[in-house]
Amino acid sequence: MVAVTGTLGVPAAGGRPATEDDVDETVDEVLGEEAGRVAAARAGTRRETFVFAPEQGVPPQVGPSAHATRWGDLVFCTGQLPTDPITGELVPGGVLEQAEQVRRNVAAVLGALGLTWDDALVVRVHLADLATCEAFDEAYRAWFRGPLPARSCVGVSALALGAALEVEVVAAARR
């Protein structure tokens, strides 16, 4: 446990307000070399966000978000709906037809970053009707050539645009 006496602007031992330098100095004393290693690791990591054009096979987002965010070696893909990349409209059909469009949409986001479905670490599936889970699972297994990633699949009361499903992915980035 690390204890730092005083907070910024509040008198510390000695009766004067603690400054940022006091806090940094105390943390460095307590953590020593470990603080340097943590700072060095964080210095090379920055958040990058990506928004793609329909011409790249990625439909426009329904809400205010990026298509993907990279942080270090992880890529977080925003939930993809079964929408046509050019029109932005929901594709017709049931869960299997819509699952195929979602697969293509996620593949386009991953592909724009040099990744594939096989780079997925976690897949989160939202189904508007949990009774369609078994049918979805049959299609889902074919999305991967290698071992399946971790996954959650939840039933929800409704999805944007009346979609049957939405899928979001966390993938390992290639550097």
Protein backbone atom coordinates (compact mmCIF):
# COMPACT_ATOMS: atom_id res chain seq x y z
CA MET A 1 0.00 0.00 0.00
CA VAL A 2 1.23 3.48 -0.87
CA ALA A 3 0.38 6.33 1.47
CA VAL A 4 0.95 9.92 0.44
CA THR A 5 0.45 12.50 3.18
CA GLY A 6 -1.46 15.58 2.17
CA THR A 7 -3.26 16.24 -1.06
CA LEU A 8 -2.65 19.04 -3.49
CA GLY A 9 -3.40 22.35 -1.84
CA VAL A 10 -3.98 20.77 1.60
CA PRO A 11 -1.37 21.27 4.31
CA ALA A 12 0.97 18.28 4.67
CA ALA A 13 3.51 17.62 7.36
CA GLY A 14 5.40 20.86 7.90
CA GLY A 15 2.32 23.04 7.49
CA ARG A 16 2.63 23.87 3.80
CA PRO A 17 0.33 22.70 1.00
CA ALA A 18 1.46 19.59 -0.86
CA THR A 19 2.46 20.19 -4.47
CA GLU A 20 2.54 17.90 -7.49
CA ASP A 21 6.32 17.65 -7.02
CA ASP A 22 5.78 16.44 -3.42
CA VAL A 23 3.42 13.73 -4.62
CA ASP A 24 5.73 12.67 -7.47
CA GLU A 25 8.72 12.60 -5.13
CA THR A 26 6.87 10.49 -2.55
CA VAL A 27 5.64 8.03 -5.18
CA ASP A 28 9.17 7.75 -6.62
CA GLU A 29 10.59 7.09 -3.14
CA VAL A 30 8.02 4.39 -2.39
CA LEU A 31 8.01 2.68 -5.77
CA GLY A 32 11.60 3.31 -6.82
CA GLU A 33 12.59 1.62 -10.08
CA GLU A 34 9.11 0.14 -10.56
CA ALA A 35 7.69 3.64 -11.05
CA GLY A 36 10.21 4.22 -13.83
CA ARG A 37 9.26 0.98 -15.59
CA VAL A 38 5.54 1.80 -15.38
CA ALA A 39 6.11 5.34 -16.68
CA ALA A 40 8.24 4.04 -19.58
CA ALA A 41 5.61 1.47 -20.53
CA ARG A 42 2.84 4.07 -20.50
CA ALA A 43 4.88 6.61 -22.47
CA GLY A 44 4.76 4.41 -25.60
CA THR A 45 1.03 3.74 -25.32
CA ARG A 46 -1.53 6.11 -26.68
CA ARG A 47 -5.14 5.81 -27.71
CA GLU A 48 -5.88 5.81 -31.42
CA THR A 49 -9.41 5.95 -32.78
CA PHE A 50 -10.48 4.92 -36.27
CA VAL A 51 -13.48 5.89 -38.38
CA PHE A 52 -13.83 4.20 -41.75
CA ALA A 53 -15.71 5.10 -44.91
CA PRO A 54 -18.46 2.99 -46.49
CA GLU A 55 -16.12 2.46 -49.47
CA GLN A 56 -13.96 0.43 -47.07
CA GLY A 57 -16.87 -1.95 -46.49
CA VAL A 58 -17.72 -0.47 -43.10
CA PRO A 59 -21.20 0.97 -42.55
CA PRO A 60 -21.60 4.36 -40.90
CA GLN A 61 -22.02 4.21 -37.13
CA VAL A 62 -25.58 4.49 -35.84
CA GLY A 63 -24.48 6.51 -32.79
CA PRO A 64 -21.63 8.91 -31.95
CA SER A 65 -18.59 6.63 -31.78
CA ALA A 66 -15.51 5.52 -33.66
CA HIS A 67 -15.52 2.17 -35.44
CA ALA A 68 -12.49 1.05 -33.43
CA THR A 69 -10.05 2.20 -30.78
CA ARG A 70 -6.53 0.84 -30.36
CA TRP A 71 -4.83 0.99 -26.97
CA GLY A 72 -1.45 -0.65 -26.89
CA ASP A 73 -1.84 -4.18 -28.20
CA LEU A 74 -5.64 -4.22 -28.00
CA VAL A 75 -8.24 -3.16 -30.56
CA PHE A 76 -11.78 -2.49 -29.37
CA CYS A 77 -14.35 -2.69 -32.18
CA THR A 78 -17.61 -0.87 -31.59
CA GLY A 79 -20.68 -3.06 -31.80
CA GLN A 80 -21.62 -3.69 -35.41
CA LEU A 81 -25.20 -4.00 -36.58
CA PRO A 82 -26.34 -5.88 -39.70
CA THR A 83 -26.40 -2.76 -41.86
CA ASP A 84 -25.39 -2.39 -45.48
CA PRO A 85 -22.11 -0.44 -45.73
CA ILE A 86 -23.30 1.74 -48.62
CA THR A 87 -26.90 2.51 -47.63
CA GLY A 88 -26.59 2.22 -43.84
CA GLU A 89 -29.92 0.35 -43.92
CA LEU A 90 -30.66 -2.81 -41.95
CA VAL A 91 -30.33 -5.88 -44.20
CA PRO A 92 -33.51 -7.93 -44.52
CA GLY A 93 -33.87 -11.42 -43.11
CA GLY A 94 -33.61 -13.31 -39.88
CA VAL A 95 -30.75 -13.91 -37.52
CA LEU A 96 -28.70 -15.96 -40.02
CA GLU A 97 -28.86 -13.37 -42.81
CA GLN A 98 -28.17 -10.57 -40.37
CA ALA A 99 -25.34 -12.52 -38.72
CA GLU A 100 -23.63 -12.83 -42.10
CA GLN A 101 -23.79 -9.05 -42.60
CA VAL A 102 -22.44 -8.44 -39.08
CA ARG A 103 -19.60 -10.89 -39.81
CA ARG A 104 -18.70 -8.91 -42.95
CA ASN A 105 -18.95 -5.56 -41.14
CA VAL A 106 -16.68 -6.64 -38.28
CA ALA A 107 -14.28 -8.27 -40.77
CA ALA A 108 -14.08 -4.94 -42.65
CA VAL A 109 -13.22 -3.03 -39.45
CA LEU A 110 -10.62 -5.62 -38.44
CA GLY A 111 -9.27 -5.83 -42.00
CA ALA A 112 -8.76 -2.08 -42.19
CA LEU A 113 -6.41 -2.51 -39.22
CA GLY A 114 -4.63 -5.54 -40.68
CA LEU A 115 -6.52 -8.02 -38.48
CA THR A 116 -8.90 -10.92 -38.98
CA TRP A 117 -11.55 -12.69 -36.94
CA ASP A 118 -8.79 -15.03 -35.73
CA ASP A 119 -7.21 -12.10 -33.87
CA ALA A 120 -10.35 -11.78 -31.71
CA LEU A 121 -9.79 -12.26 -27.99
CA VAL A 122 -13.35 -11.57 -26.79
CA VAL A 123 -16.60 -11.42 -28.74
CA ARG A 124 -19.74 -9.93 -27.20
CA VAL A 125 -23.00 -10.92 -28.90
CA HIS A 126 -26.33 -9.20 -28.22
CA LEU A 127 -29.38 -11.05 -29.53
CA ALA A 128 -32.83 -9.48 -29.71
CA ASP A 129 -34.27 -12.99 -29.28
CA LEU A 130 -32.23 -15.40 -27.18
CA ALA A 131 -34.21 -18.27 -28.73
CA THR A 132 -32.12 -17.67 -31.90
CA CYS A 133 -28.85 -18.41 -30.07
CA GLU A 134 -28.53 -22.00 -31.32
CA ALA A 135 -29.00 -20.96 -34.96
CA PHE A 136 -26.56 -18.07 -34.48
CA ASP A 137 -23.98 -20.43 -32.94
CA GLU A 138 -23.93 -22.57 -36.09
CA ALA A 139 -23.06 -19.54 -38.22
CA TYR A 140 -20.65 -18.11 -35.59
CA ARG A 141 -18.40 -21.19 -35.49
CA ALA A 142 -17.57 -20.72 -39.18
CA TRP A 143 -16.22 -17.20 -38.57
CA PHE A 144 -12.95 -18.61 -37.19
CA ARG A 145 -10.22 -20.85 -38.63
CA GLY A 146 -8.47 -21.40 -35.30
CA PRO A 147 -9.61 -21.80 -31.71
CA LEU A 148 -12.69 -19.83 -30.70
CA PRO A 149 -12.14 -16.71 -28.56
CA ALA A 150 -13.84 -15.99 -25.26
CA ARG A 151 -17.44 -14.94 -25.79
CA SER A 152 -20.53 -13.68 -24.04
CA CYS A 153 -23.98 -13.91 -25.61
CA VAL A 154 -26.86 -12.05 -24.02
CA GLY A 155 -30.48 -11.53 -24.86
CA VAL A 156 -31.67 -7.94 -24.97
CA SER A 157 -35.12 -6.42 -25.24
CA ALA A 158 -34.32 -4.42 -28.39
CA LEU A 159 -31.46 -3.25 -30.59
CA ALA A 160 -31.00 -0.14 -32.73
CA LEU A 161 -32.85 -0.16 -36.06
CA GLY A 162 -34.76 -3.29 -34.99
CA ALA A 163 -31.71 -5.50 -35.64
CA ALA A 164 -31.71 -9.17 -34.64
CA LEU A 165 -28.14 -8.92 -33.30
CA GLU A 166 -25.15 -6.70 -32.60
CA VAL A 167 -21.57 -7.91 -32.17
CA GLU A 168 -18.56 -6.17 -30.64
CA VAL A 169 -15.00 -7.49 -30.58
CA VAL A 170 -11.79 -6.99 -28.63
CA ALA A 171 -8.82 -8.17 -30.71
CA ALA A 172 -5.06 -8.45 -30.35
CA ALA A 173 -3.35 -5.79 -32.45
CA ARG A 174 -0.38 -6.63 -34.63
CA ARG A 175 2.48 -4.17 -34.42
